[in-house]
Protein backbone atom coordinates (compact mmCIF):
# COMPACT_ATOMS: atom_id res chain seq x y z
CA MET A 1 -13.48 -38.06 100.47
CA ARG A 2 -14.89 -34.43 102.33
CA ASP A 3 -12.14 -32.48 101.10
CA TRP A 4 -12.31 -32.85 97.70
CA SER A 5 -14.10 -31.14 95.17
CA THR A 6 -17.63 -31.28 93.81
CA HIS A 7 -16.14 -31.97 90.53
CA ASP A 8 -13.65 -34.65 91.49
CA LEU A 9 -16.28 -36.62 93.44
CA PRO A 10 -16.84 -39.64 91.17
CA ARG A 11 -20.54 -40.01 91.85
CA GLU A 12 -20.94 -36.23 91.16
CA LYS A 13 -18.38 -36.59 88.04
CA LEU A 14 -20.78 -39.26 87.01
CA LEU A 15 -23.55 -37.83 87.06
CA GLN A 16 -22.47 -34.38 85.13
CA ASN A 17 -19.55 -35.76 82.47
CA GLY A 18 -21.16 -39.14 81.84
CA LYS A 19 -19.70 -42.91 82.93
CA SER A 20 -17.25 -43.31 79.89
CA THR A 21 -15.05 -39.98 82.08
CA LEU A 22 -14.69 -41.93 84.72
CA SER A 23 -11.24 -43.91 85.47
CA ASP A 24 -11.50 -47.53 86.28
CA VAL A 25 -10.36 -46.06 89.84
CA GLU A 26 -13.11 -43.59 90.73
CA LEU A 27 -15.73 -46.54 88.94
CA LEU A 28 -14.57 -48.89 92.07
CA ALA A 29 -14.65 -46.34 94.65
CA ILE A 30 -18.24 -45.96 93.34
CA LEU A 31 -18.89 -49.61 93.93
CA ILE A 32 -17.04 -49.06 97.03
CA GLY A 33 -19.40 -46.18 98.35
CA SER A 34 -17.16 -45.03 101.20
CA GLY A 35 -13.72 -45.63 102.65
CA SER A 36 -12.44 -45.14 106.30
CA ARG A 37 -11.31 -42.52 108.92
CA ASN A 38 -7.95 -42.92 107.49
CA GLU A 39 -8.86 -43.54 103.41
CA SER A 40 -11.27 -41.82 100.96
CA ALA A 41 -13.03 -44.20 98.71
CA VAL A 42 -10.67 -43.28 95.91
CA GLU A 43 -7.69 -43.82 97.74
CA LEU A 44 -8.95 -47.52 98.47
CA SER A 45 -9.63 -48.32 95.06
CA ARG A 46 -6.22 -47.09 93.58
CA ARG A 47 -4.96 -49.32 96.38
CA ILE A 48 -6.55 -52.86 95.38
CA LEU A 49 -6.55 -51.85 91.87
CA ALA A 50 -2.76 -51.44 92.24
CA SER A 51 -2.11 -54.42 93.91
CA VAL A 52 -3.09 -56.56 90.66
CA ASN A 53 -1.23 -54.06 88.49
CA ASN A 54 -4.18 -52.27 87.43
CA GLU A 55 -5.75 -55.18 85.26
CA LEU A 56 -9.46 -55.80 86.01
CA HIS A 57 -9.17 -59.52 85.05
CA ARG A 58 -6.62 -60.33 87.83
CA LEU A 59 -8.39 -57.92 90.14
CA SER A 60 -11.70 -60.38 88.96
CA ARG A 61 -10.29 -63.50 90.33
CA LEU A 62 -10.12 -62.84 93.60
CA ASP A 63 -12.44 -63.90 95.72
CA ILE A 64 -14.43 -62.39 98.57
CA ALA A 65 -12.08 -63.39 101.23
CA GLU A 66 -9.25 -62.18 99.41
CA LEU A 67 -11.08 -58.22 98.84
CA MET A 68 -12.02 -58.29 102.59
CA ASN A 69 -8.25 -58.57 103.25
CA PHE A 70 -8.42 -55.39 102.40
CA ASN A 71 -8.51 -52.65 105.24
CA GLY A 72 -11.68 -50.42 104.64
CA ILE A 73 -13.52 -53.86 102.46
CA GLY A 74 -16.00 -55.63 104.49
CA GLU A 75 -18.20 -58.75 102.83
CA ALA A 76 -21.18 -56.37 101.98
CA LYS A 77 -18.30 -53.99 99.79
CA ALA A 78 -16.94 -57.29 99.07
CA ILE A 79 -20.00 -59.13 97.26
CA CYS A 80 -20.39 -55.45 95.94
CA ILE A 81 -17.56 -55.65 93.85
CA SER A 82 -17.81 -59.70 92.88
CA ALA A 83 -21.28 -58.97 91.24
CA ALA A 84 -20.36 -55.90 89.36
CA LEU A 85 -17.05 -57.95 88.09
CA GLU A 86 -19.39 -60.47 87.21
CA LEU A 87 -22.11 -58.92 85.54
CA ALA A 88 -19.27 -57.01 83.44
CA HIS A 89 -18.29 -60.72 82.65
CA ARG A 90 -21.71 -61.58 81.12
CA LYS A 91 -22.14 -58.61 79.18
CA ARG A 92 -18.77 -59.52 77.20
CA ALA A 93 -19.66 -62.84 77.12
CA SER A 94 -22.95 -62.11 75.92
CA ALA A 95 -21.83 -59.84 73.17
CA ILE A 96 -19.40 -61.72 71.94
CA SER A 97 -22.18 -64.70 71.07
CA GLU A 98 -23.30 -62.40 68.27
CA ARG A 99 -20.98 -62.29 66.24
CA LYS A 100 -20.63 -66.05 65.23
CA THR A 101 -18.82 -65.91 62.32
CA VAL A 102 -14.74 -67.05 63.03
CA SER A 103 -12.65 -66.55 60.16
CA SER A 104 -9.38 -65.79 62.09
CA SER A 105 -7.51 -66.50 65.20
CA ARG A 106 -8.63 -63.08 67.22
CA ASP A 107 -12.50 -64.49 66.31
CA ALA A 108 -12.14 -67.30 67.94
CA PHE A 109 -10.16 -65.48 71.13
CA ASN A 110 -12.70 -63.16 70.85
CA LEU A 111 -15.43 -66.23 71.03
CA ILE A 112 -14.27 -68.13 74.02
CA ALA A 113 -11.93 -65.51 76.17
CA GLY A 114 -14.53 -64.35 78.55
CA SER A 115 -14.50 -68.09 79.90
CA LEU A 116 -10.80 -68.63 80.09
CA LEU A 117 -8.91 -65.49 80.94
CA GLU A 118 -10.35 -65.13 84.41
CA LEU A 119 -9.43 -68.75 85.65
CA ASP A 120 -7.13 -69.96 87.80
CA HIS A 121 -6.76 -73.50 86.42
CA GLU A 122 -6.93 -75.12 83.64
CA GLU A 123 -9.73 -76.16 81.28
CA PHE A 124 -9.82 -76.87 77.53
CA TRP A 125 -12.66 -76.24 75.91
CA VAL A 126 -13.38 -76.47 71.82
CA LEU A 127 -15.34 -74.51 69.08
CA LEU A 128 -17.92 -76.14 66.98
CA LEU A 129 -18.06 -74.52 63.46
CA ASN A 130 -20.10 -75.63 59.95
CA ARG A 131 -19.37 -75.48 56.55
CA ALA A 132 -19.30 -71.29 56.68
CA ASN A 133 -17.33 -71.23 59.86
CA ARG A 134 -20.50 -70.09 61.82
CA LEU A 135 -20.27 -71.31 65.22
CA ILE A 136 -22.41 -74.14 66.43
CA GLU A 137 -21.55 -74.79 70.23
CA MET A 138 -18.50 -73.46 72.68
CA LYS A 139 -18.24 -77.09 74.55
CA ASN A 140 -16.12 -77.57 77.71
CA ILE A 141 -14.09 -80.72 77.39
CA SER A 142 -12.37 -80.66 80.70
CA LYS A 143 -11.84 -78.46 84.16
CA GLY A 144 -7.72 -79.73 85.19
CA GLY A 145 -5.51 -77.49 88.29
CA VAL A 146 -3.10 -75.04 87.84
CA SER A 147 -1.30 -76.98 86.09
CA GLY A 148 -2.94 -78.90 83.87
CA THR A 149 -5.99 -80.38 82.45
CA VAL A 150 -6.48 -83.99 80.60
CA ALA A 151 -7.75 -83.79 77.35
CA ASP A 152 -9.50 -86.36 75.60
CA ALA A 153 -9.57 -87.13 72.21
CA LYS A 154 -12.23 -89.35 71.82
CA LEU A 155 -14.55 -86.62 73.73
CA ILE A 156 -13.28 -83.47 71.54
CA PHE A 157 -14.82 -85.62 68.37
CA LYS A 158 -17.93 -87.11 70.16
CA SER A 159 -18.95 -83.43 70.67
CA ALA A 160 -17.65 -82.77 67.34
CA LEU A 161 -20.17 -85.56 65.62
CA SER A 162 -23.37 -85.10 67.47
CA LYS A 163 -23.39 -81.73 66.28
CA LEU A 164 -22.24 -82.40 62.81
CA SER A 165 -19.40 -80.09 62.55
CA SER A 166 -17.51 -79.90 59.29
CA SER A 167 -14.37 -78.17 61.38
CA ILE A 168 -12.78 -77.52 64.80
CA ILE A 169 -10.95 -74.91 66.87
CA ILE A 170 -9.35 -75.92 70.67
CA CYS A 171 -8.78 -73.63 73.15
CA HIS A 172 -7.20 -74.42 76.27
CA ASN A 173 -5.19 -71.83 79.19
CA HIS A 174 -2.42 -71.15 80.87
CA PRO A 175 -3.00 -69.70 84.09
CA SER A 176 0.55 -68.71 84.38
CA GLY A 177 0.35 -66.22 81.54
CA ASN A 178 3.10 -68.02 79.62
CA LEU A 179 1.56 -68.53 76.50
CA LYS A 180 4.09 -70.96 74.93
CA PRO A 181 3.44 -74.47 73.98
CA SER A 182 4.76 -77.59 76.47
CA LYS A 183 5.50 -80.46 74.35
CA ALA A 184 2.10 -81.90 75.72
CA ASP A 185 0.37 -78.90 73.85
CA ILE A 186 2.29 -79.43 70.85
CA GLN A 187 1.78 -83.85 70.61
CA LEU A 188 -1.68 -83.21 71.97
CA THR A 189 -2.37 -80.67 68.37
CA LYS A 190 -0.95 -83.49 66.33
CA LYS A 191 -2.84 -86.42 67.89
CA ILE A 192 -5.96 -84.44 66.96
CA VAL A 193 -5.66 -83.10 63.85
CA GLU A 194 -4.84 -86.27 62.08
CA GLY A 195 -8.08 -88.02 64.38
CA GLY A 196 -10.00 -84.75 62.40
CA LYS A 197 -8.29 -86.17 59.10
CA ASN A 198 -9.26 -89.14 59.39
CA LEU A 199 -13.15 -88.47 60.42
CA ASP A 200 -13.42 -85.80 58.05
CA ILE A 201 -13.12 -82.91 60.59
CA ALA A 202 -10.80 -80.44 59.93
CA VAL A 203 -8.54 -79.12 63.25
CA LEU A 204 -8.42 -75.03 62.02
CA ASP A 205 -6.23 -73.96 64.93
CA HIS A 206 -5.13 -74.02 68.54
CA LEU A 207 -5.47 -71.35 70.71
CA ILE A 208 -3.43 -70.81 74.04
CA ILE A 209 -4.97 -68.38 75.76
CA GLY A 210 -3.74 -66.16 79.23
CA ASN A 211 -2.58 -62.69 79.72
CA ASN A 212 -5.41 -60.75 78.23
CA SER A 213 -3.56 -62.21 74.73
CA TYR A 214 -3.20 -65.97 73.35
CA PHE A 215 -0.73 -68.33 71.12
CA SER A 216 -2.33 -69.37 67.19
CA PHE A 217 -0.93 -72.62 66.66
CA ALA A 218 -1.88 -72.19 62.70
CA ASP A 219 -0.99 -68.26 63.11
CA GLU A 220 2.55 -70.11 64.04
CA GLY A 221 2.32 -72.68 60.81
CA MET A 222 2.48 -75.07 63.17
CA ILE A 223 -1.12 -76.99 62.23
């Protein structure tokens, strides 16, 4: 970065203008610190982000070994990047957890997104709510592979009953980003809804999470 003017250097830009003025590329360049003889930290950052289509949630899925595949990224830099992204993830989860009343599919998505969006495998979660639709607990029910996971209705309702939940929202992710529900998703939803009726536990929604978005069974009139 020797050829850049002082106003263009990310560190100096942050000090002079504030962190909000920096692009994702510039922030990543600060984490990297230095580039190589043929490539500045900013150029290296631009190349790394381009490889994940400039999507930070995809960048966060890269493990240490994958980050080290980029020329100019050693173990120390890869660890620094991974740790920073994990802090960002935890900050988001912490902030979201303070907004615990669920009145829409968007509220439910905001609560669970931090736990599901960045995974490369499927997981099934349930949001346990009280009578005022306030979150009691978010419970992981199962973990699976890339193409599926098993959701046991008995475990879902065991969790709900143990917390005296009045209603629940079930959630799982599609790592592929395809939000279209499968036949198995539809059948499972019907099964859980019917089971909830017998236990006086309302199933408010089933969210499929992926590609920084979601599909809501309730919004689509499928519950």
